[in-house]
Amino acid sequence: MKRAKNPMRRSWLDDTEGGWIPHRLRLLVSPAWRFRPKPLARILDRLEIEHLTHGGAENGHLVVSYSQFIAYGVSRKAIRSALTAGVKLGLLEVIQTDDWVGDIRAPNEYRLTYVPSKDRRAPTDEWMGVTEQQAKAVASAAASGADNEDLEQARAVAS
């Protein structure tokens, strides 16, 4: 005899609502996650949305333009330093190509390190190697609008 489906029970893991992204406890309590600057948090949210719109199958090949980040609420002035901070905190990877489409450079691609990428079964979790001191230094450098060189110095000082 087949068991009747309970109409009050609905799987929250189903894909009818567009998917989901796992945020493991270890990530949520990590210094990299706790001290990430607000613009970086918005960028990660937007990248997660892009990941989900591709069925969770394109991590490592996510393309989001600066205009899309701005439309999502990230200040144009904060994007570069937030992306650099994300890389330094081990939360994302920015993949730049030398390819050109006509006279326009091909867009950057992004990879969330806490989500499995297209060709891997498990996430790479670079954020696990970031200490609290390093995370604070990177976050404060990003908050002051530091560029890549300043963020490198902040991480070196924290090491």
N, C-alpha and C. Protein backbone atom coordinates (compact mmCIF):
# COMPACT_ATOMS: atom_id res chain seq x y z
N MET A 1 0.84 -1.17 0.00
CA MET A 1 0.00 0.00 0.00
C MET A 1 0.89 1.25 0.00
N LYS A 2 0.58 2.15 -0.90
CA LYS A 2 1.36 3.38 -1.03
C LYS A 2 0.92 4.39 0.01
N ARG A 3 1.88 5.00 0.61
CA ARG A 3 1.61 5.98 1.66
C ARG A 3 1.15 7.31 1.06
N ALA A 4 0.12 7.90 1.61
CA ALA A 4 -0.41 9.16 1.12
C ALA A 4 0.53 10.31 1.47
N LYS A 5 0.64 11.27 0.56
CA LYS A 5 1.48 12.44 0.82
C LYS A 5 0.80 13.35 1.82
N ASN A 6 1.57 13.85 2.74
CA ASN A 6 1.07 14.78 3.72
C ASN A 6 1.06 16.18 3.11
N PRO A 7 -0.12 16.81 2.94
CA PRO A 7 -0.17 18.13 2.31
C PRO A 7 0.46 19.23 3.16
N MET A 8 0.64 19.00 4.46
CA MET A 8 1.23 20.01 5.33
C MET A 8 2.76 19.96 5.31
N ARG A 9 3.31 18.88 4.77
CA ARG A 9 4.75 18.72 4.74
C ARG A 9 5.28 19.00 3.34
N ARG A 10 6.16 19.94 3.25
CA ARG A 10 6.73 20.29 1.97
C ARG A 10 8.24 20.38 2.11
N SER A 11 8.94 19.75 1.26
CA SER A 11 10.39 19.75 1.35
C SER A 11 10.95 21.14 1.04
N TRP A 12 11.70 21.69 1.98
CA TRP A 12 12.32 22.99 1.75
C TRP A 12 13.57 22.85 0.88
N LEU A 13 13.96 21.64 0.59
CA LEU A 13 15.11 21.42 -0.27
C LEU A 13 14.75 21.25 -1.73
N ASP A 14 13.44 21.27 -2.03
CA ASP A 14 13.06 21.07 -3.42
C ASP A 14 13.49 22.26 -4.26
N ASP A 15 13.44 22.10 -5.55
CA ASP A 15 13.93 23.11 -6.45
C ASP A 15 12.82 23.99 -7.00
N THR A 16 11.60 23.86 -6.51
CA THR A 16 10.50 24.64 -7.07
C THR A 16 10.61 26.12 -6.75
N GLU A 17 11.33 26.48 -5.73
CA GLU A 17 11.48 27.89 -5.37
C GLU A 17 12.77 28.49 -5.93
N GLY A 18 13.48 27.77 -6.77
CA GLY A 18 14.68 28.32 -7.39
C GLY A 18 15.99 27.87 -6.79
N GLY A 19 15.98 26.94 -5.88
CA GLY A 19 17.22 26.42 -5.31
C GLY A 19 17.60 27.11 -4.02
N TRP A 20 18.78 26.74 -3.53
CA TRP A 20 19.27 27.30 -2.27
C TRP A 20 20.78 27.16 -2.23
N ILE A 21 21.40 27.93 -1.35
CA ILE A 21 22.86 27.90 -1.16
C ILE A 21 23.13 27.50 0.29
N PRO A 22 23.93 26.47 0.49
CA PRO A 22 24.23 26.09 1.88
C PRO A 22 25.28 27.02 2.50
N HIS A 23 24.97 27.55 3.64
CA HIS A 23 25.94 28.30 4.44
C HIS A 23 26.22 27.47 5.68
N ARG A 24 27.33 26.75 5.65
CA ARG A 24 27.66 25.86 6.75
C ARG A 24 28.01 26.65 8.01
N LEU A 25 27.77 26.06 9.15
CA LEU A 25 28.06 26.69 10.44
C LEU A 25 29.51 27.15 10.50
N ARG A 26 30.39 26.34 10.03
CA ARG A 26 31.81 26.66 10.07
C ARG A 26 32.11 27.94 9.28
N LEU A 27 31.39 28.16 8.19
CA LEU A 27 31.54 29.39 7.41
C LEU A 27 30.96 30.57 8.18
N LEU A 28 29.76 30.40 8.72
CA LEU A 28 29.07 31.50 9.39
C LEU A 28 29.80 32.02 10.62
N VAL A 29 30.56 31.17 11.30
CA VAL A 29 31.29 31.60 12.49
C VAL A 29 32.75 31.95 12.18
N SER A 30 33.15 31.83 10.93
CA SER A 30 34.54 32.10 10.56
C SER A 30 34.83 33.60 10.59
N PRO A 31 36.08 33.98 10.86
CA PRO A 31 36.45 35.39 10.83
C PRO A 31 36.22 36.03 9.46
N ALA A 32 36.48 35.29 8.40
CA ALA A 32 36.29 35.84 7.06
C ALA A 32 34.84 36.26 6.83
N TRP A 33 33.90 35.46 7.29
CA TRP A 33 32.48 35.76 7.09
C TRP A 33 32.01 36.86 8.05
N ARG A 34 32.42 36.77 9.31
CA ARG A 34 31.96 37.73 10.32
C ARG A 34 32.48 39.14 10.08
N PHE A 35 33.69 39.28 9.55
CA PHE A 35 34.29 40.59 9.37
C PHE A 35 34.23 41.09 7.94
N ARG A 36 33.49 40.41 7.08
CA ARG A 36 33.40 40.88 5.70
C ARG A 36 32.68 42.23 5.66
N PRO A 37 33.18 43.16 4.85
CA PRO A 37 32.54 44.48 4.76
C PRO A 37 31.14 44.37 4.13
N LYS A 38 30.27 45.32 4.44
CA LYS A 38 28.90 45.29 3.91
C LYS A 38 28.84 45.27 2.39
N PRO A 39 29.66 46.07 1.69
CA PRO A 39 29.61 45.97 0.22
C PRO A 39 29.96 44.57 -0.28
N LEU A 40 30.90 43.90 0.39
CA LEU A 40 31.25 42.53 0.01
C LEU A 40 30.08 41.60 0.28
N ALA A 41 29.38 41.78 1.39
CA ALA A 41 28.21 40.94 1.68
C ALA A 41 27.16 41.08 0.58
N ARG A 42 26.94 42.30 0.09
CA ARG A 42 25.97 42.53 -1.00
C ARG A 42 26.46 41.88 -2.29
N ILE A 43 27.76 41.98 -2.55
CA ILE A 43 28.33 41.35 -3.75
C ILE A 43 28.17 39.84 -3.68
N LEU A 44 28.45 39.24 -2.53
CA LEU A 44 28.29 37.79 -2.38
C LEU A 44 26.83 37.39 -2.57
N ASP A 45 25.90 38.19 -2.01
CA ASP A 45 24.47 37.92 -2.22
C ASP A 45 24.13 37.93 -3.70
N ARG A 46 24.64 38.93 -4.42
CA ARG A 46 24.33 39.04 -5.86
C ARG A 46 24.95 37.90 -6.64
N LEU A 47 26.14 37.47 -6.27
CA LEU A 47 26.77 36.33 -6.93
C LEU A 47 26.01 35.03 -6.64
N GLU A 48 25.49 34.90 -5.41
CA GLU A 48 24.68 33.72 -5.08
C GLU A 48 23.40 33.70 -5.92
N ILE A 49 22.80 34.87 -6.12
CA ILE A 49 21.61 34.94 -6.96
C ILE A 49 21.95 34.51 -8.38
N GLU A 50 23.06 34.98 -8.89
CA GLU A 50 23.49 34.60 -10.25
C GLU A 50 23.73 33.08 -10.31
N HIS A 51 24.35 32.55 -9.28
CA HIS A 51 24.60 31.10 -9.22
C HIS A 51 23.28 30.33 -9.27
N LEU A 52 22.31 30.78 -8.51
CA LEU A 52 21.01 30.10 -8.46
C LEU A 52 20.24 30.24 -9.77
N THR A 53 20.38 31.37 -10.45
CA THR A 53 19.67 31.53 -11.72
C THR A 53 20.21 30.59 -12.80
N HIS A 54 21.40 30.08 -12.58
CA HIS A 54 21.98 29.10 -13.51
C HIS A 54 21.83 27.68 -12.98
N GLY A 55 20.89 27.48 -12.09
CA GLY A 55 20.63 26.14 -11.57
C GLY A 55 21.72 25.60 -10.68
N GLY A 56 22.57 26.46 -10.15
CA GLY A 56 23.64 26.01 -9.27
C GLY A 56 24.74 25.26 -10.00
N ALA A 57 24.84 25.47 -11.32
CA ALA A 57 25.78 24.68 -12.10
C ALA A 57 26.91 25.49 -12.74
N GLU A 58 26.98 26.79 -12.49
CA GLU A 58 27.97 27.61 -13.18
C GLU A 58 28.96 28.30 -12.26
N ASN A 59 29.12 27.85 -11.02
CA ASN A 59 30.08 28.49 -10.13
C ASN A 59 31.47 28.37 -10.74
N GLY A 60 32.16 29.49 -10.80
CA GLY A 60 33.45 29.54 -11.49
C GLY A 60 33.31 30.21 -12.84
N HIS A 61 32.08 30.33 -13.31
CA HIS A 61 31.79 30.99 -14.59
C HIS A 61 30.65 31.99 -14.41
N LEU A 62 30.53 32.54 -13.21
CA LEU A 62 29.47 33.50 -12.93
C LEU A 62 29.88 34.87 -13.47
N VAL A 63 29.00 35.48 -14.22
CA VAL A 63 29.28 36.80 -14.78
C VAL A 63 28.24 37.78 -14.25
N VAL A 64 28.74 38.79 -13.52
CA VAL A 64 27.90 39.87 -13.02
C VAL A 64 28.64 41.16 -13.34
N SER A 65 27.97 42.07 -14.01
CA SER A 65 28.60 43.33 -14.39
C SER A 65 28.58 44.32 -13.23
N TYR A 66 29.40 45.35 -13.34
CA TYR A 66 29.39 46.42 -12.33
C TYR A 66 28.00 47.03 -12.26
N SER A 67 27.35 47.19 -13.41
CA SER A 67 26.00 47.77 -13.43
C SER A 67 25.02 46.91 -12.64
N GLN A 68 25.19 45.59 -12.70
CA GLN A 68 24.32 44.70 -11.93
C GLN A 68 24.61 44.80 -10.43
N PHE A 69 25.88 44.95 -10.07
CA PHE A 69 26.22 45.16 -8.66
C PHE A 69 25.62 46.47 -8.16
N ILE A 70 25.70 47.52 -8.97
CA ILE A 70 25.16 48.82 -8.59
C ILE A 70 23.63 48.73 -8.44
N ALA A 71 22.97 48.05 -9.37
CA ALA A 71 21.51 47.88 -9.30
C ALA A 71 21.12 47.11 -8.05
N TYR A 72 22.01 46.29 -7.54
CA TYR A 72 21.73 45.50 -6.33
C TYR A 72 22.05 46.28 -5.05
N GLY A 73 22.59 47.49 -5.20
CA GLY A 73 22.80 48.34 -4.04
C GLY A 73 24.24 48.53 -3.60
N VAL A 74 25.20 48.15 -4.43
CA VAL A 74 26.60 48.34 -4.09
C VAL A 74 27.09 49.62 -4.78
N SER A 75 27.72 50.49 -4.05
CA SER A 75 28.25 51.72 -4.61
C SER A 75 29.37 51.39 -5.60
N ARG A 76 29.37 52.10 -6.73
CA ARG A 76 30.41 51.86 -7.74
C ARG A 76 31.80 52.04 -7.12
N LYS A 77 31.95 53.02 -6.23
CA LYS A 77 33.25 53.28 -5.60
C LYS A 77 33.70 52.13 -4.70
N ALA A 78 32.76 51.35 -4.20
CA ALA A 78 33.10 50.28 -3.26
C ALA A 78 33.33 48.93 -3.93
N ILE A 79 32.96 48.78 -5.18
CA ILE A 79 33.01 47.46 -5.82
C ILE A 79 34.42 46.89 -5.87
N ARG A 80 35.36 47.67 -6.37
CA ARG A 80 36.73 47.14 -6.55
C ARG A 80 37.34 46.71 -5.22
N SER A 81 37.25 47.58 -4.20
CA SER A 81 37.87 47.23 -2.92
C SER A 81 37.13 46.07 -2.27
N ALA A 82 35.81 45.98 -2.46
CA ALA A 82 35.05 44.86 -1.90
C ALA A 82 35.43 43.55 -2.58
N LEU A 83 35.59 43.57 -3.89
CA LEU A 83 36.01 42.35 -4.60
C LEU A 83 37.40 41.91 -4.15
N THR A 84 38.30 42.88 -3.99
CA THR A 84 39.65 42.56 -3.52
C THR A 84 39.61 41.99 -2.11
N ALA A 85 38.78 42.59 -1.25
CA ALA A 85 38.64 42.07 0.11
C ALA A 85 38.07 40.65 0.08
N GLY A 86 37.12 40.38 -0.80
CA GLY A 86 36.55 39.04 -0.93
C GLY A 86 37.59 38.00 -1.30
N VAL A 87 38.49 38.39 -2.19
CA VAL A 87 39.58 37.49 -2.59
C VAL A 87 40.53 37.27 -1.42
N LYS A 88 40.90 38.36 -0.73
CA LYS A 88 41.83 38.27 0.40
C LYS A 88 41.24 37.47 1.56
N LEU A 89 39.92 37.57 1.74
CA LEU A 89 39.26 36.81 2.81
C LEU A 89 38.97 35.36 2.38
N GLY A 90 39.27 35.03 1.15
CA GLY A 90 39.09 33.66 0.66
C GLY A 90 37.64 33.30 0.38
N LEU A 91 36.77 34.29 0.22
CA LEU A 91 35.35 34.01 -0.01
C LEU A 91 34.99 33.92 -1.49
N LEU A 92 35.81 34.53 -2.34
CA LEU A 92 35.53 34.46 -3.77
C LEU A 92 36.81 34.53 -4.57
N GLU A 93 36.71 34.15 -5.81
CA GLU A 93 37.82 34.23 -6.75
C GLU A 93 37.33 35.04 -7.94
N VAL A 94 38.15 35.99 -8.37
CA VAL A 94 37.85 36.78 -9.57
C VAL A 94 38.72 36.23 -10.69
N ILE A 95 38.08 35.80 -11.77
CA ILE A 95 38.80 35.21 -12.90
C ILE A 95 38.78 36.22 -14.04
N GLN A 96 39.95 36.77 -14.33
CA GLN A 96 40.07 37.76 -15.40
C GLN A 96 40.69 37.10 -16.62
N THR A 97 40.13 37.40 -17.77
CA THR A 97 40.67 36.85 -19.01
C THR A 97 41.24 37.98 -19.84
N ASP A 98 42.10 37.62 -20.76
CA ASP A 98 42.68 38.60 -21.68
C ASP A 98 41.89 38.64 -22.98
N ASP A 99 40.77 37.94 -23.00
CA ASP A 99 39.96 37.89 -24.22
C ASP A 99 39.26 39.22 -24.47
N TRP A 100 39.06 39.50 -25.75
CA TRP A 100 38.35 40.71 -26.15
C TRP A 100 37.18 40.32 -27.05
N VAL A 101 36.08 41.02 -26.89
CA VAL A 101 34.92 40.84 -27.75
C VAL A 101 34.81 42.13 -28.54
N GLY A 102 35.33 42.10 -29.76
CA GLY A 102 35.43 43.34 -30.52
C GLY A 102 36.45 44.24 -29.85
N ASP A 103 36.03 45.44 -29.47
CA ASP A 103 36.94 46.36 -28.79
C ASP A 103 36.64 46.46 -27.30
N ILE A 104 35.91 45.48 -26.78
CA ILE A 104 35.55 45.46 -25.37
C ILE A 104 36.17 44.23 -24.71
N ARG A 105 36.80 44.44 -23.54
CA ARG A 105 37.39 43.32 -22.81
C ARG A 105 36.28 42.41 -22.29
N ALA A 106 36.52 41.12 -22.34
CA ALA A 106 35.55 40.15 -21.83
C ALA A 106 35.32 40.38 -20.34
N PRO A 107 34.11 40.12 -19.85
CA PRO A 107 33.83 40.38 -18.44
C PRO A 107 34.55 39.41 -17.52
N ASN A 108 34.72 39.84 -16.26
CA ASN A 108 35.29 38.95 -15.25
C ASN A 108 34.30 37.84 -14.95
N GLU A 109 34.83 36.71 -14.55
CA GLU A 109 34.00 35.62 -14.06
C GLU A 109 34.33 35.45 -12.58
N TYR A 110 33.36 34.96 -11.83
CA TYR A 110 33.52 34.85 -10.38
C TYR A 110 33.25 33.42 -9.92
N ARG A 111 33.91 33.06 -8.81
CA ARG A 111 33.69 31.76 -8.18
C ARG A 111 33.55 31.96 -6.69
N LEU A 112 32.48 31.46 -6.12
CA LEU A 112 32.27 31.46 -4.67
C LEU A 112 33.01 30.26 -4.11
N THR A 113 33.96 30.49 -3.20
CA THR A 113 34.80 29.39 -2.73
C THR A 113 34.09 28.48 -1.75
N TYR A 114 32.96 28.91 -1.19
CA TYR A 114 32.23 28.10 -0.21
C TYR A 114 31.12 27.29 -0.85
N VAL A 115 31.08 27.28 -2.18
CA VAL A 115 30.10 26.51 -2.94
C VAL A 115 30.89 25.66 -3.94
N PRO A 116 30.50 24.42 -4.17
CA PRO A 116 31.23 23.62 -5.17
C PRO A 116 31.20 24.29 -6.54
N SER A 117 32.34 24.26 -7.23
CA SER A 117 32.38 24.86 -8.56
C SER A 117 31.91 23.85 -9.59
N LYS A 118 31.81 24.31 -10.81
CA LYS A 118 31.23 23.51 -11.89
C LYS A 118 31.92 22.15 -12.04
N ASP A 119 33.23 22.12 -11.88
CA ASP A 119 33.97 20.88 -12.14
C ASP A 119 34.45 20.19 -10.86
N ARG A 120 33.89 20.54 -9.70
CA ARG A 120 34.28 19.92 -8.43
C ARG A 120 33.07 19.46 -7.64
N ARG A 121 33.27 18.47 -6.81
CA ARG A 121 32.19 17.98 -5.95
C ARG A 121 32.09 18.73 -4.64
N ALA A 122 33.21 19.30 -4.20
CA ALA A 122 33.23 19.98 -2.90
C ALA A 122 33.79 21.40 -3.06
N PRO A 123 33.40 22.32 -2.18
CA PRO A 123 33.97 23.67 -2.24
C PRO A 123 35.44 23.66 -1.84
N THR A 124 36.17 24.70 -2.25
CA THR A 124 37.60 24.76 -1.94
C THR A 124 37.88 25.44 -0.61
N ASP A 125 36.97 26.25 -0.11
CA ASP A 125 37.02 26.81 1.25
C ASP A 125 38.33 27.53 1.59
N GLU A 126 38.78 28.42 0.73
CA GLU A 126 39.99 29.19 1.03
C GLU A 126 39.82 30.05 2.28
N TRP A 127 38.61 30.42 2.63
CA TRP A 127 38.33 31.26 3.80
C TRP A 127 38.76 30.60 5.10
N MET A 128 38.92 29.29 5.12
CA MET A 128 39.32 28.60 6.36
C MET A 128 40.72 28.99 6.82
N GLY A 129 41.56 29.46 5.91
CA GLY A 129 42.93 29.83 6.26
C GLY A 129 43.08 31.25 6.77
N VAL A 130 41.98 31.99 6.88
CA VAL A 130 42.05 33.40 7.29
C VAL A 130 41.84 33.50 8.80
N THR A 131 42.78 34.14 9.47
CA THR A 131 42.67 34.33 10.93
C THR A 131 41.82 35.56 11.23
N GLU A 132 41.43 35.70 12.49
CA GLU A 132 40.63 36.85 12.89
C GLU A 132 41.41 38.15 12.69
N GLN A 133 42.68 38.14 13.01
CA GLN A 133 43.52 39.33 12.85
C GLN A 133 43.61 39.72 11.37
N GLN A 134 43.81 38.74 10.50
CA GLN A 134 43.87 39.02 9.07
C GLN A 134 42.54 39.57 8.57
N ALA A 135 41.44 38.96 9.00
CA ALA A 135 40.11 39.40 8.55
C ALA A 135 39.84 40.83 8.99
N LYS A 136 40.20 41.18 10.22
CA LYS A 136 40.00 42.55 10.70
C LYS A 136 40.83 43.54 9.89
N ALA A 137 42.07 43.18 9.59
CA ALA A 137 42.95 44.06 8.82
C ALA A 137 42.41 44.27 7.41
N VAL A 138 41.98 43.21 6.77
CA VAL A 138 41.44 43.32 5.42
C VAL A 138 40.14 44.13 5.42
N ALA A 139 39.28 43.87 6.40
CA ALA A 139 38.01 44.59 6.48
C ALA A 139 38.23 46.09 6.73
N SER A 140 39.17 46.44 7.59
CA SER A 140 39.40 47.86 7.86
C SER A 140 40.04 48.54 6.65
N ALA A 141 40.91 47.83 5.94
CA ALA A 141 41.50 48.40 4.72
C ALA A 141 40.43 48.60 3.65
N ALA A 142 39.51 47.65 3.53
CA ALA A 142 38.43 47.77 2.54
C ALA A 142 37.48 48.89 2.92
N ALA A 143 37.21 49.07 4.20
CA ALA A 143 36.29 50.11 4.66
C ALA A 143 36.85 51.50 4.38
N SER A 144 38.16 51.62 4.35
CA SER A 144 38.78 52.92 4.08
C SER A 144 38.93 53.17 2.58
N GLY A 145 38.42 52.24 1.77
CA GLY A 145 38.49 52.41 0.32
C GLY A 145 39.86 52.10 -0.24
N ALA A 146 40.57 51.22 0.41
CA ALA A 146 41.93 50.88 0.00
C ALA A 146 41.93 50.16 -1.34
N ASP A 147 43.02 50.30 -2.06
CA ASP A 147 43.16 49.58 -3.31
C ASP A 147 43.89 48.26 -3.07
N ASN A 148 44.18 47.55 -4.14
CA ASN A 148 44.81 46.22 -4.04
C ASN A 148 46.11 46.24 -3.24
N GLU A 149 46.94 47.26 -3.49
CA GLU A 149 48.24 47.32 -2.82
C GLU A 149 48.07 47.50 -1.30
N ASP A 150 47.15 48.37 -0.91
CA ASP A 150 46.90 48.59 0.52
C ASP A 150 46.36 47.33 1.19
N LEU A 151 45.49 46.60 0.48
CA LEU A 151 44.95 45.36 1.06
C LEU A 151 46.03 44.30 1.19
N GLU A 152 46.95 44.25 0.25
CA GLU A 152 48.08 43.32 0.33
C GLU A 152 48.91 43.64 1.58
N GLN A 153 49.18 44.93 1.81
CA GLN A 153 49.96 45.34 2.96
C GLN A 153 49.23 45.01 4.26
N ALA A 154 47.91 45.20 4.28
CA ALA A 154 47.12 44.91 5.48
C ALA A 154 47.18 43.42 5.81
N ARG A 155 47.11 42.58 4.80
CA ARG A 155 47.15 41.14 5.05
C ARG A 155 48.55 40.73 5.47
N ALA A 156 49.59 41.35 4.89
CA ALA A 156 50.96 41.02 5.26
C ALA A 156 51.23 41.42 6.72
N VAL A 157 50.73 42.59 7.13
CA VAL A 157 50.91 43.04 8.50
C VAL A 157 50.23 42.11 9.47
N ALA A 158 49.04 41.62 9.09
CA ALA A 158 48.28 40.74 9.98
C ALA A 158 48.90 39.35 10.09
N SER A 159 49.73 38.99 9.14
CA SER A 159 50.31 37.63 9.13
C SER A 159 51.38 37.45 10.17
